[in-house]
């Protein structure tokens, strides 16, 4: 529908979006997630052209976000995999071979809801500049260069953001991938991590 004689922004009615999303939802959480991203981009575009809220579109979007939440897994895939690997390591070789013989070679895809932090890029830049290509854990040079020529180091928070740590230069350090994984999983550090 056109919005005014001079306007060029077009939109699909909220009811049409609802029918479209209902159809896509039948294919599962993955396609619905992609469709909701597209729908939200459409809403943002329309708002930029009309300078007004698109309440009916937002209501449909919110309705299907709730549906997606019900469809998505509420689990930590990496933790579940780690527990399964530990169990497999305790199995006999014959049991593992038997499971491998009948296992599906294409892993199942799942949509997982997760919470992420919008990190401050200035903190990351300052920490990387401070490190100057040297791991602040082991003191070795970065193990390789990125495609743009910068040394590859990962910025780690001493106190995790999930545990209330600050996204600050003082709470962060630049680590090589080995030192970074050790800080998360190593025997010398994992016992210090809050449970």
N, C-alpha and C. Protein backbone atom coordinates (compact mmCIF):
# COMPACT_ATOMS: atom_id res chain seq x y z
N UNK A 1 0.83 -1.18 0.00
CA UNK A 1 0.00 0.00 0.00
C UNK A 1 0.88 1.24 0.00
N UNK A 2 0.52 2.19 -0.76
CA UNK A 2 1.29 3.43 -0.83
C UNK A 2 0.98 4.30 0.38
N UNK A 3 1.98 5.02 0.84
CA UNK A 3 1.83 5.94 1.97
C UNK A 3 1.92 7.35 1.42
N UNK A 4 0.82 7.94 1.02
CA UNK A 4 0.83 9.31 0.52
C UNK A 4 1.23 9.35 -0.94
N UNK A 5 0.93 10.46 -1.61
CA UNK A 5 1.22 10.56 -3.03
C UNK A 5 2.70 10.67 -3.32
N UNK A 6 3.46 11.31 -2.43
CA UNK A 6 4.90 11.46 -2.66
C UNK A 6 5.70 10.30 -2.08
N UNK A 7 5.08 9.58 -1.18
CA UNK A 7 5.81 8.51 -0.50
C UNK A 7 6.11 7.35 -1.43
N UNK A 8 7.18 6.66 -1.14
CA UNK A 8 7.53 5.49 -1.93
C UNK A 8 7.69 4.26 -1.05
N UNK A 9 7.43 4.43 0.25
CA UNK A 9 7.54 3.29 1.15
C UNK A 9 6.29 2.44 1.01
N UNK A 10 6.48 1.15 0.84
CA UNK A 10 5.35 0.24 0.76
C UNK A 10 5.47 -0.77 1.88
N UNK A 11 4.33 -1.28 2.29
CA UNK A 11 4.34 -2.28 3.34
C UNK A 11 3.26 -3.31 3.08
N UNK A 12 3.43 -4.44 3.69
CA UNK A 12 2.42 -5.49 3.66
C UNK A 12 1.64 -5.35 4.96
N UNK A 13 0.35 -5.49 4.91
CA UNK A 13 -0.49 -5.36 6.09
C UNK A 13 -0.08 -6.38 7.15
N UNK A 14 -0.32 -6.02 8.41
CA UNK A 14 0.05 -6.89 9.54
C UNK A 14 -0.61 -8.26 9.42
N UNK A 15 -1.87 -8.31 8.98
CA UNK A 15 -2.56 -9.61 8.85
C UNK A 15 -1.89 -10.48 7.79
N UNK A 16 -1.41 -9.86 6.72
CA UNK A 16 -0.71 -10.64 5.69
C UNK A 16 0.60 -11.19 6.22
N UNK A 17 1.32 -10.38 7.00
CA UNK A 17 2.55 -10.86 7.63
C UNK A 17 2.25 -12.04 8.56
N UNK A 18 1.15 -11.92 9.29
CA UNK A 18 0.79 -12.99 10.22
C UNK A 18 0.57 -14.31 9.47
N UNK A 19 -0.17 -14.26 8.37
CA UNK A 19 -0.39 -15.47 7.57
C UNK A 19 0.92 -16.03 7.02
N UNK A 20 1.77 -15.12 6.55
CA UNK A 20 3.08 -15.50 6.00
C UNK A 20 3.92 -16.19 7.07
N UNK A 21 3.97 -15.62 8.27
CA UNK A 21 4.78 -16.18 9.35
C UNK A 21 4.20 -17.50 9.87
N UNK A 22 2.87 -17.60 9.90
CA UNK A 22 2.25 -18.87 10.31
C UNK A 22 2.67 -19.99 9.36
N UNK A 23 2.70 -19.68 8.07
CA UNK A 23 3.10 -20.68 7.08
C UNK A 23 4.57 -21.08 7.28
N UNK A 24 5.42 -20.11 7.48
CA UNK A 24 6.85 -20.39 7.67
C UNK A 24 7.10 -21.15 8.96
N UNK A 25 6.35 -20.84 10.02
CA UNK A 25 6.54 -21.49 11.32
C UNK A 25 6.32 -23.00 11.22
N UNK A 26 5.55 -23.45 10.25
CA UNK A 26 5.32 -24.88 10.09
C UNK A 26 6.60 -25.62 9.68
N UNK A 27 7.56 -24.87 9.12
CA UNK A 27 8.83 -25.48 8.71
C UNK A 27 9.85 -25.53 9.84
N UNK A 28 9.52 -24.97 11.00
CA UNK A 28 10.41 -25.07 12.15
C UNK A 28 11.01 -23.75 12.59
N UNK A 29 11.80 -23.83 13.65
CA UNK A 29 12.37 -22.65 14.30
C UNK A 29 13.40 -21.94 13.42
N UNK A 30 14.20 -22.69 12.67
CA UNK A 30 15.24 -22.07 11.84
C UNK A 30 14.66 -21.12 10.81
N UNK A 31 13.75 -21.60 9.96
CA UNK A 31 13.15 -20.70 8.96
C UNK A 31 12.38 -19.54 9.60
N UNK A 32 11.71 -19.80 10.72
CA UNK A 32 10.97 -18.72 11.39
C UNK A 32 11.92 -17.66 11.91
N UNK A 33 13.06 -18.06 12.44
CA UNK A 33 14.05 -17.10 12.93
C UNK A 33 14.53 -16.19 11.81
N UNK A 34 14.83 -16.76 10.65
CA UNK A 34 15.27 -15.97 9.49
C UNK A 34 14.17 -15.02 9.05
N UNK A 35 12.93 -15.52 9.00
CA UNK A 35 11.80 -14.69 8.57
C UNK A 35 11.58 -13.53 9.54
N UNK A 36 11.75 -13.78 10.84
CA UNK A 36 11.56 -12.70 11.82
C UNK A 36 12.64 -11.63 11.69
N UNK A 37 13.86 -12.04 11.37
CA UNK A 37 14.92 -11.05 11.13
C UNK A 37 14.56 -10.18 9.94
N UNK A 38 14.06 -10.80 8.88
CA UNK A 38 13.66 -10.05 7.69
C UNK A 38 12.49 -9.13 8.00
N UNK A 39 11.52 -9.63 8.74
CA UNK A 39 10.35 -8.85 9.12
C UNK A 39 10.76 -7.63 9.94
N UNK A 40 11.66 -7.82 10.90
CA UNK A 40 12.11 -6.69 11.72
C UNK A 40 12.82 -5.65 10.86
N UNK A 41 13.63 -6.09 9.90
CA UNK A 41 14.28 -5.14 8.99
C UNK A 41 13.24 -4.36 8.20
N UNK A 42 12.17 -5.03 7.80
CA UNK A 42 11.09 -4.37 7.07
C UNK A 42 10.43 -3.31 7.96
N UNK A 43 10.17 -3.64 9.21
CA UNK A 43 9.55 -2.69 10.13
C UNK A 43 10.44 -1.46 10.30
N UNK A 44 11.74 -1.69 10.50
CA UNK A 44 12.68 -0.57 10.68
C UNK A 44 12.70 0.30 9.43
N UNK A 45 12.69 -0.32 8.25
CA UNK A 45 12.68 0.44 7.00
C UNK A 45 11.41 1.30 6.91
N UNK A 46 10.26 0.69 7.17
CA UNK A 46 9.00 1.43 7.09
C UNK A 46 9.00 2.60 8.07
N UNK A 47 9.50 2.36 9.28
CA UNK A 47 9.54 3.44 10.27
C UNK A 47 10.45 4.57 9.80
N UNK A 48 11.53 4.25 9.12
CA UNK A 48 12.44 5.30 8.65
C UNK A 48 11.80 6.15 7.55
N UNK A 49 10.85 5.59 6.82
CA UNK A 49 10.20 6.31 5.73
C UNK A 49 8.95 7.04 6.17
N UNK A 50 8.26 6.52 7.19
CA UNK A 50 6.99 7.11 7.60
C UNK A 50 7.12 7.96 8.86
N UNK A 51 8.22 7.84 9.56
CA UNK A 51 8.46 8.58 10.81
C UNK A 51 7.42 8.28 11.87
N UNK A 52 6.79 7.16 11.78
CA UNK A 52 5.77 6.83 12.76
C UNK A 52 5.89 5.40 13.22
N UNK A 53 5.28 5.09 14.35
CA UNK A 53 5.33 3.71 14.85
C UNK A 53 4.46 2.80 13.99
N UNK A 54 4.84 1.59 13.90
CA UNK A 54 4.08 0.59 13.16
C UNK A 54 3.60 -0.45 14.17
N UNK A 55 2.72 -0.01 15.08
CA UNK A 55 2.28 -0.85 16.19
C UNK A 55 1.72 -2.20 15.75
N UNK A 56 0.84 -2.27 14.74
CA UNK A 56 0.31 -3.60 14.35
C UNK A 56 1.41 -4.54 13.87
N UNK A 57 2.40 -4.01 13.16
CA UNK A 57 3.51 -4.86 12.71
C UNK A 57 4.34 -5.34 13.89
N UNK A 58 4.60 -4.44 14.86
CA UNK A 58 5.35 -4.82 16.06
C UNK A 58 4.60 -5.90 16.85
N UNK A 59 3.28 -5.78 16.91
CA UNK A 59 2.49 -6.77 17.64
C UNK A 59 2.62 -8.15 17.00
N UNK A 60 2.56 -8.21 15.68
CA UNK A 60 2.72 -9.49 14.99
C UNK A 60 4.13 -10.03 15.22
N UNK A 61 5.13 -9.14 15.11
CA UNK A 61 6.52 -9.57 15.35
C UNK A 61 6.66 -10.15 16.75
N UNK A 62 6.16 -9.44 17.76
CA UNK A 62 6.28 -9.91 19.14
C UNK A 62 5.57 -11.25 19.35
N UNK A 63 4.42 -11.43 18.70
CA UNK A 63 3.68 -12.68 18.81
C UNK A 63 4.51 -13.86 18.30
N UNK A 64 5.20 -13.65 17.18
CA UNK A 64 5.97 -14.75 16.60
C UNK A 64 7.32 -14.93 17.28
N UNK A 65 7.84 -13.89 17.91
CA UNK A 65 9.05 -14.06 18.74
C UNK A 65 8.71 -14.98 19.91
N UNK A 66 7.53 -14.79 20.50
CA UNK A 66 7.11 -15.67 21.60
C UNK A 66 6.94 -17.10 21.11
N UNK A 67 6.38 -17.27 19.92
CA UNK A 67 6.24 -18.61 19.35
C UNK A 67 7.61 -19.24 19.14
N UNK A 68 8.56 -18.45 18.62
CA UNK A 68 9.92 -18.96 18.39
C UNK A 68 10.56 -19.37 19.71
N UNK A 69 10.34 -18.60 20.76
CA UNK A 69 10.91 -18.96 22.06
C UNK A 69 10.42 -20.34 22.50
N UNK A 70 9.16 -20.62 22.23
CA UNK A 70 8.62 -21.93 22.59
C UNK A 70 9.18 -23.05 21.74
N UNK A 71 9.58 -22.73 20.50
CA UNK A 71 10.11 -23.74 19.59
C UNK A 71 11.60 -23.99 19.81
N UNK A 72 12.31 -22.97 20.27
CA UNK A 72 13.76 -23.06 20.41
C UNK A 72 14.14 -23.85 21.65
N UNK A 73 15.32 -24.39 21.63
CA UNK A 73 15.83 -25.12 22.78
C UNK A 73 16.38 -24.15 23.81
N UNK A 74 16.09 -24.41 25.04
CA UNK A 74 16.62 -23.59 26.12
C UNK A 74 17.71 -24.41 26.81
N UNK A 75 18.82 -24.53 26.15
CA UNK A 75 19.91 -25.35 26.67
C UNK A 75 21.23 -24.79 26.19
N UNK A 76 22.26 -25.19 26.85
CA UNK A 76 23.60 -24.82 26.43
C UNK A 76 24.17 -25.99 25.65
N UNK A 77 24.21 -25.85 24.35
CA UNK A 77 24.62 -26.94 23.47
C UNK A 77 26.04 -27.41 23.80
N UNK A 78 26.95 -26.47 24.03
CA UNK A 78 28.34 -26.84 24.31
C UNK A 78 28.45 -27.65 25.60
N UNK A 79 27.71 -27.27 26.64
CA UNK A 79 27.77 -28.01 27.90
C UNK A 79 27.19 -29.41 27.74
N UNK A 80 26.09 -29.50 26.98
CA UNK A 80 25.50 -30.82 26.75
C UNK A 80 26.44 -31.71 25.94
N UNK A 81 27.12 -31.13 24.95
CA UNK A 81 28.07 -31.90 24.16
C UNK A 81 29.22 -32.38 25.05
N UNK A 82 29.72 -31.51 25.90
CA UNK A 82 30.83 -31.88 26.79
C UNK A 82 30.42 -33.05 27.69
N UNK A 83 29.20 -33.02 28.24
CA UNK A 83 28.72 -34.11 29.08
C UNK A 83 28.61 -35.40 28.28
N UNK A 84 28.14 -35.29 27.03
CA UNK A 84 28.00 -36.47 26.18
C UNK A 84 29.37 -37.05 25.82
N UNK A 85 30.35 -36.19 25.59
CA UNK A 85 31.72 -36.65 25.30
C UNK A 85 32.28 -37.37 26.52
N UNK A 86 32.07 -36.83 27.70
CA UNK A 86 32.56 -37.48 28.93
C UNK A 86 31.94 -38.88 29.07
N UNK A 87 30.65 -38.98 28.77
CA UNK A 87 29.98 -40.28 28.84
C UNK A 87 30.55 -41.23 27.79
N UNK A 88 30.79 -40.71 26.58
CA UNK A 88 31.34 -41.55 25.51
C UNK A 88 32.75 -42.05 25.86
N UNK A 89 33.55 -41.20 26.49
CA UNK A 89 34.90 -41.60 26.87
C UNK A 89 34.88 -42.75 27.89
N UNK A 90 33.81 -42.84 28.66
CA UNK A 90 33.68 -43.91 29.66
C UNK A 90 33.12 -45.19 29.06
N UNK A 91 32.57 -45.11 27.85
CA UNK A 91 32.03 -46.29 27.17
C UNK A 91 33.18 -47.17 26.68
N UNK A 92 32.86 -48.41 26.40
CA UNK A 92 33.87 -49.30 25.81
C UNK A 92 34.03 -48.95 24.33
N UNK A 93 35.15 -49.35 23.76
CA UNK A 93 35.41 -49.12 22.34
C UNK A 93 34.34 -49.79 21.49
N UNK A 94 33.89 -50.98 21.89
CA UNK A 94 32.85 -51.69 21.14
C UNK A 94 31.54 -50.91 21.16
N UNK A 95 31.18 -50.37 22.31
CA UNK A 95 29.94 -49.59 22.40
C UNK A 95 30.00 -48.35 21.51
N UNK A 96 31.15 -47.68 21.52
CA UNK A 96 31.31 -46.50 20.67
C UNK A 96 31.21 -46.87 19.19
N UNK A 97 31.91 -47.93 18.80
CA UNK A 97 31.87 -48.37 17.39
C UNK A 97 30.45 -48.72 16.96
N UNK A 98 29.70 -49.37 17.83
CA UNK A 98 28.31 -49.74 17.52
C UNK A 98 27.46 -48.48 17.32
N UNK A 99 27.62 -47.49 18.18
CA UNK A 99 26.87 -46.24 18.03
C UNK A 99 27.30 -45.50 16.77
N UNK A 100 28.60 -45.50 16.49
CA UNK A 100 29.09 -44.82 15.29
C UNK A 100 28.56 -45.46 14.02
N UNK A 101 28.42 -46.77 14.02
CA UNK A 101 27.95 -47.48 12.83
C UNK A 101 26.52 -47.09 12.46
N UNK A 102 25.72 -46.76 13.44
CA UNK A 102 24.31 -46.41 13.15
C UNK A 102 24.04 -44.91 13.29
N UNK A 103 25.07 -44.12 13.53
CA UNK A 103 24.88 -42.68 13.75
C UNK A 103 24.59 -41.94 12.45
N UNK A 104 23.77 -40.93 12.54
CA UNK A 104 23.51 -40.04 11.41
C UNK A 104 24.75 -39.18 11.19
N UNK A 105 25.23 -39.11 9.96
CA UNK A 105 26.44 -38.34 9.66
C UNK A 105 26.16 -36.84 9.54
N UNK A 106 24.91 -36.47 9.37
CA UNK A 106 24.54 -35.06 9.29
C UNK A 106 23.96 -34.65 10.64
N UNK A 107 24.62 -33.76 11.36
CA UNK A 107 24.11 -33.39 12.69
C UNK A 107 22.80 -32.63 12.60
N UNK A 108 21.97 -32.84 13.59
CA UNK A 108 20.69 -32.12 13.68
C UNK A 108 20.97 -30.65 13.94
N UNK A 109 20.20 -29.79 13.29
CA UNK A 109 20.31 -28.35 13.54
C UNK A 109 19.23 -27.94 14.52
N UNK A 110 19.60 -27.10 15.46
CA UNK A 110 18.65 -26.58 16.43
C UNK A 110 18.81 -25.07 16.51
N UNK A 111 17.75 -24.40 16.91
CA UNK A 111 17.82 -22.97 17.19
C UNK A 111 17.89 -22.84 18.70
N UNK A 112 18.89 -22.12 19.17
CA UNK A 112 19.09 -21.96 20.60
C UNK A 112 18.96 -20.48 20.93
N UNK A 113 18.15 -20.18 21.92
CA UNK A 113 18.05 -18.80 22.38
C UNK A 113 19.20 -18.55 23.34
N UNK A 114 19.87 -17.45 23.15
CA UNK A 114 20.99 -17.11 24.01
C UNK A 114 21.00 -15.62 24.27
N UNK A 115 21.66 -15.23 25.32
CA UNK A 115 21.80 -13.82 25.65
C UNK A 115 23.25 -13.45 25.36
N UNK A 116 23.45 -12.33 24.71
CA UNK A 116 24.79 -11.89 24.34
C UNK A 116 25.00 -10.46 24.85
N UNK A 117 26.24 -10.08 25.02
CA UNK A 117 26.59 -8.74 25.46
C UNK A 117 27.05 -7.93 24.25
N UNK A 118 26.59 -6.69 24.15
CA UNK A 118 27.10 -5.77 23.13
C UNK A 118 28.34 -5.12 23.73
N UNK A 119 29.47 -5.65 23.33
CA UNK A 119 30.72 -5.21 23.93
C UNK A 119 31.18 -3.90 23.34
N UNK A 120 31.94 -3.18 24.16
CA UNK A 120 32.46 -1.88 23.78
C UNK A 120 33.67 -2.09 22.87
N UNK A 121 33.60 -1.66 21.61
CA UNK A 121 34.73 -1.86 20.70
C UNK A 121 35.97 -1.08 21.12
N UNK A 122 35.79 0.02 21.86
CA UNK A 122 36.95 0.79 22.32
C UNK A 122 37.74 0.02 23.38
N UNK A 123 37.06 -0.76 24.21
CA UNK A 123 37.76 -1.59 25.20
C UNK A 123 38.61 -2.62 24.46
N UNK A 124 38.02 -3.27 23.48
CA UNK A 124 38.75 -4.29 22.71
C UNK A 124 39.97 -3.67 22.03
N UNK A 125 39.76 -2.52 21.39
CA UNK A 125 40.86 -1.85 20.68
C UNK A 125 41.98 -1.47 21.65
N UNK A 126 41.62 -0.88 22.79
CA UNK A 126 42.65 -0.48 23.76
C UNK A 126 43.45 -1.67 24.28
N UNK A 127 42.76 -2.76 24.58
CA UNK A 127 43.45 -3.95 25.11
C UNK A 127 44.38 -4.54 24.05
N UNK A 128 43.91 -4.60 22.80
CA UNK A 128 44.77 -5.12 21.73
C UNK A 128 45.97 -4.22 21.48
N UNK A 129 45.76 -2.92 21.54
CA UNK A 129 46.88 -1.98 21.36
C UNK A 129 47.87 -2.09 22.51
N UNK A 130 47.35 -2.24 23.73
CA UNK A 130 48.21 -2.41 24.90
C UNK A 130 49.08 -3.65 24.75
N UNK A 131 48.49 -4.74 24.27
CA UNK A 131 49.23 -6.01 24.13
C UNK A 131 50.27 -5.94 23.02
N UNK A 132 50.02 -5.13 22.01
CA UNK A 132 50.97 -4.94 20.90
C UNK A 132 51.42 -6.27 20.29
N UNK A 133 50.45 -7.18 20.07
CA UNK A 133 50.77 -8.44 19.41
C UNK A 133 51.35 -9.52 20.30
N UNK A 134 51.41 -9.27 21.60
CA UNK A 134 51.98 -10.24 22.54
C UNK A 134 50.90 -10.70 23.51
N UNK A 135 50.78 -12.00 23.68
CA UNK A 135 49.80 -12.57 24.60
C UNK A 135 50.11 -12.11 26.02
N UNK A 136 49.11 -11.58 26.71
CA UNK A 136 49.31 -11.12 28.09
C UNK A 136 49.22 -12.27 29.09
N UNK A 137 49.06 -13.49 28.58
CA UNK A 137 49.07 -14.66 29.44
C UNK A 137 50.43 -15.33 29.46
N UNK A 138 50.90 -15.75 28.29
CA UNK A 138 52.16 -16.50 28.21
C UNK A 138 53.34 -15.65 27.75
N UNK A 139 53.08 -14.45 27.25
CA UNK A 139 54.17 -13.57 26.81
C UNK A 139 54.69 -13.87 25.41
N UNK A 140 54.06 -14.83 24.72
CA UNK A 140 54.51 -15.18 23.37
C UNK A 140 53.81 -14.28 22.34
N UNK A 141 54.42 -14.19 21.16
CA UNK A 141 53.79 -13.43 20.07
C UNK A 141 52.50 -14.12 19.65
N UNK A 142 51.58 -13.34 19.10
CA UNK A 142 50.33 -13.90 18.58
C UNK A 142 50.67 -15.04 17.62
N UNK A 143 49.88 -16.12 17.61
CA UNK A 143 50.23 -17.30 16.83
C UNK A 143 50.12 -17.12 15.32
N UNK A 144 49.35 -16.13 14.87
CA UNK A 144 49.22 -15.87 13.43
C UNK A 144 48.64 -14.48 13.25
N UNK A 145 48.61 -14.05 11.99
CA UNK A 145 48.02 -12.76 11.67
C UNK A 145 46.65 -12.95 11.05
N UNK A 146 45.76 -11.99 11.32
CA UNK A 146 44.46 -11.98 10.67
C UNK A 146 44.64 -11.64 9.20
N UNK A 147 43.57 -11.78 8.43
CA UNK A 147 43.65 -11.50 6.99
C UNK A 147 44.01 -10.03 6.72
N UNK A 148 43.75 -9.14 7.70
CA UNK A 148 44.10 -7.73 7.51
C UNK A 148 45.50 -7.39 8.04
N UNK A 149 46.24 -8.42 8.49
CA UNK A 149 47.61 -8.21 8.95
C UNK A 149 47.76 -7.97 10.45
N UNK A 150 46.65 -7.81 11.17
CA UNK A 150 46.74 -7.60 12.62
C UNK A 150 47.04 -8.93 13.32
N UNK A 151 47.84 -8.89 14.39
CA UNK A 151 48.12 -10.12 15.14
C UNK A 151 46.83 -10.66 15.78
N UNK A 152 46.66 -11.98 15.74
CA UNK A 152 45.44 -12.58 16.28
C UNK A 152 45.58 -12.82 17.77
N UNK A 153 44.86 -12.04 18.55
CA UNK A 153 44.71 -12.23 19.99
C UNK A 153 43.24 -12.09 20.32
N UNK A 154 42.80 -12.73 21.39
CA UNK A 154 41.40 -12.68 21.82
C UNK A 154 41.32 -11.90 23.13
N UNK A 155 40.31 -11.05 23.23
CA UNK A 155 40.16 -10.25 24.45
C UNK A 155 39.30 -11.03 25.44
N UNK A 156 39.87 -11.28 26.61
CA UNK A 156 39.26 -12.07 27.67
C UNK A 156 38.97 -11.17 28.87
N UNK A 157 37.82 -11.38 29.50
CA UNK A 157 37.49 -10.63 30.72
C UNK A 157 37.94 -11.44 31.94
N UNK A 158 38.72 -10.83 32.79
CA UNK A 158 39.20 -11.51 33.99
C UNK A 158 38.01 -11.98 34.83
N UNK A 159 37.08 -11.07 35.10
CA UNK A 159 35.81 -11.45 35.71
C UNK A 159 34.78 -11.43 34.60
N UNK A 160 34.16 -12.58 34.34
CA UNK A 160 33.25 -12.73 33.22
C UNK A 160 32.11 -11.70 33.27
N UNK A 161 31.71 -11.25 32.09
CA UNK A 161 30.58 -10.33 32.00
C UNK A 161 29.33 -10.98 32.59
N UNK A 162 29.16 -12.27 32.36
CA UNK A 162 28.00 -13.00 32.87
C UNK A 162 27.98 -13.04 34.39
N UNK A 163 29.13 -12.85 35.01
CA UNK A 163 29.22 -12.84 36.47
C UNK A 163 29.26 -11.42 37.03
N UNK A 164 28.90 -10.44 36.20
CA UNK A 164 28.88 -9.06 36.66
C UNK A 164 30.16 -8.30 36.43
N UNK A 165 31.11 -8.90 35.70
CA UNK A 165 32.36 -8.20 35.41
C UNK A 165 32.15 -7.01 34.49
N UNK A 166 33.00 -6.03 34.62
CA UNK A 166 32.91 -4.82 33.80
C UNK A 166 33.50 -5.06 32.41
N UNK A 167 32.90 -4.41 31.42
CA UNK A 167 33.49 -4.38 30.09
C UNK A 167 34.42 -3.18 30.06
N UNK A 168 35.57 -3.36 30.68
CA UNK A 168 36.53 -2.27 30.85
C UNK A 168 37.93 -2.74 30.50
N UNK A 169 38.79 -1.78 30.21
CA UNK A 169 40.19 -2.10 29.89
C UNK A 169 40.85 -2.79 31.09
N UNK A 170 40.50 -2.35 32.29
CA UNK A 170 41.12 -2.91 33.50
C UNK A 170 40.71 -4.36 33.73
N UNK A 171 39.53 -4.75 33.28
CA UNK A 171 39.03 -6.11 33.50
C UNK A 171 39.32 -7.03 32.31
N UNK A 172 40.06 -6.55 31.34
CA UNK A 172 40.28 -7.34 30.12
C UNK A 172 41.76 -7.55 29.85
N UNK A 173 42.03 -8.62 29.13
CA UNK A 173 43.41 -8.91 28.72
C UNK A 173 43.40 -9.58 27.36
N UNK A 174 44.45 -9.37 26.59
CA UNK A 174 44.59 -9.96 25.27
C UNK A 174 45.35 -11.27 25.40
N UNK A 175 44.74 -12.35 24.92
CA UNK A 175 45.33 -13.67 25.06
C UNK A 175 45.40 -14.39 23.72
N UNK A 176 46.40 -15.25 23.58
CA UNK A 176 46.45 -16.15 22.44
C UNK A 176 45.32 -17.17 22.62
N UNK A 177 44.91 -17.86 21.56
CA UNK A 177 43.80 -18.82 21.70
C UNK A 177 44.05 -19.89 22.75
N UNK A 178 45.29 -20.37 22.88
CA UNK A 178 45.58 -21.40 23.88
C UNK A 178 45.38 -20.87 25.29
N UNK A 179 45.93 -19.71 25.57
CA UNK A 179 45.77 -19.14 26.91
C UNK A 179 44.31 -18.80 27.18
N UNK A 180 43.59 -18.35 26.16
CA UNK A 180 42.18 -18.01 26.36
C UNK A 180 41.37 -19.26 26.72
N UNK A 181 41.59 -20.35 25.98
CA UNK A 181 40.87 -21.59 26.30
C UNK A 181 41.27 -22.09 27.69
N UNK A 182 42.56 -21.93 28.03
CA UNK A 182 43.01 -22.38 29.35
C UNK A 182 42.29 -21.59 30.45
N UNK A 183 42.09 -20.29 30.25
CA UNK A 183 41.40 -19.48 31.25
C UNK A 183 39.97 -19.95 31.46
N UNK A 184 39.38 -20.53 30.42
CA UNK A 184 37.99 -21.00 30.55
C UNK A 184 37.90 -22.46 31.00
N UNK A 185 38.87 -23.29 30.61
CA UNK A 185 38.75 -24.73 30.84
C UNK A 185 39.91 -25.36 31.60
N UNK A 186 41.00 -24.65 31.78
CA UNK A 186 42.19 -25.24 32.39
C UNK A 186 42.04 -25.51 33.87
N UNK A 187 42.72 -26.54 34.31
CA UNK A 187 42.64 -26.97 35.71
C UNK A 187 43.10 -25.86 36.66
N UNK A 188 44.03 -25.03 36.22
CA UNK A 188 44.53 -23.96 37.10
C UNK A 188 43.57 -22.78 37.23
N UNK A 189 42.57 -22.73 36.35
CA UNK A 189 41.67 -21.58 36.35
C UNK A 189 40.21 -21.97 36.59
N UNK A 190 39.81 -23.15 36.16
CA UNK A 190 38.41 -23.51 36.22
C UNK A 190 37.91 -23.58 37.67
N UNK A 191 38.76 -23.93 38.62
CA UNK A 191 38.33 -24.00 40.03
C UNK A 191 38.08 -22.61 40.60
N UNK A 192 38.67 -21.57 39.99
CA UNK A 192 38.46 -20.19 40.44
C UNK A 192 37.18 -19.59 39.88
N UNK A 193 36.64 -20.21 38.83
CA UNK A 193 35.47 -19.65 38.16
C UNK A 193 34.25 -19.79 39.08
N UNK A 194 33.42 -18.75 39.12
CA UNK A 194 32.18 -18.84 39.91
C UNK A 194 31.29 -19.94 39.35
N UNK A 195 30.65 -20.66 40.22
CA UNK A 195 29.76 -21.76 39.80
C UNK A 195 28.37 -21.23 39.56
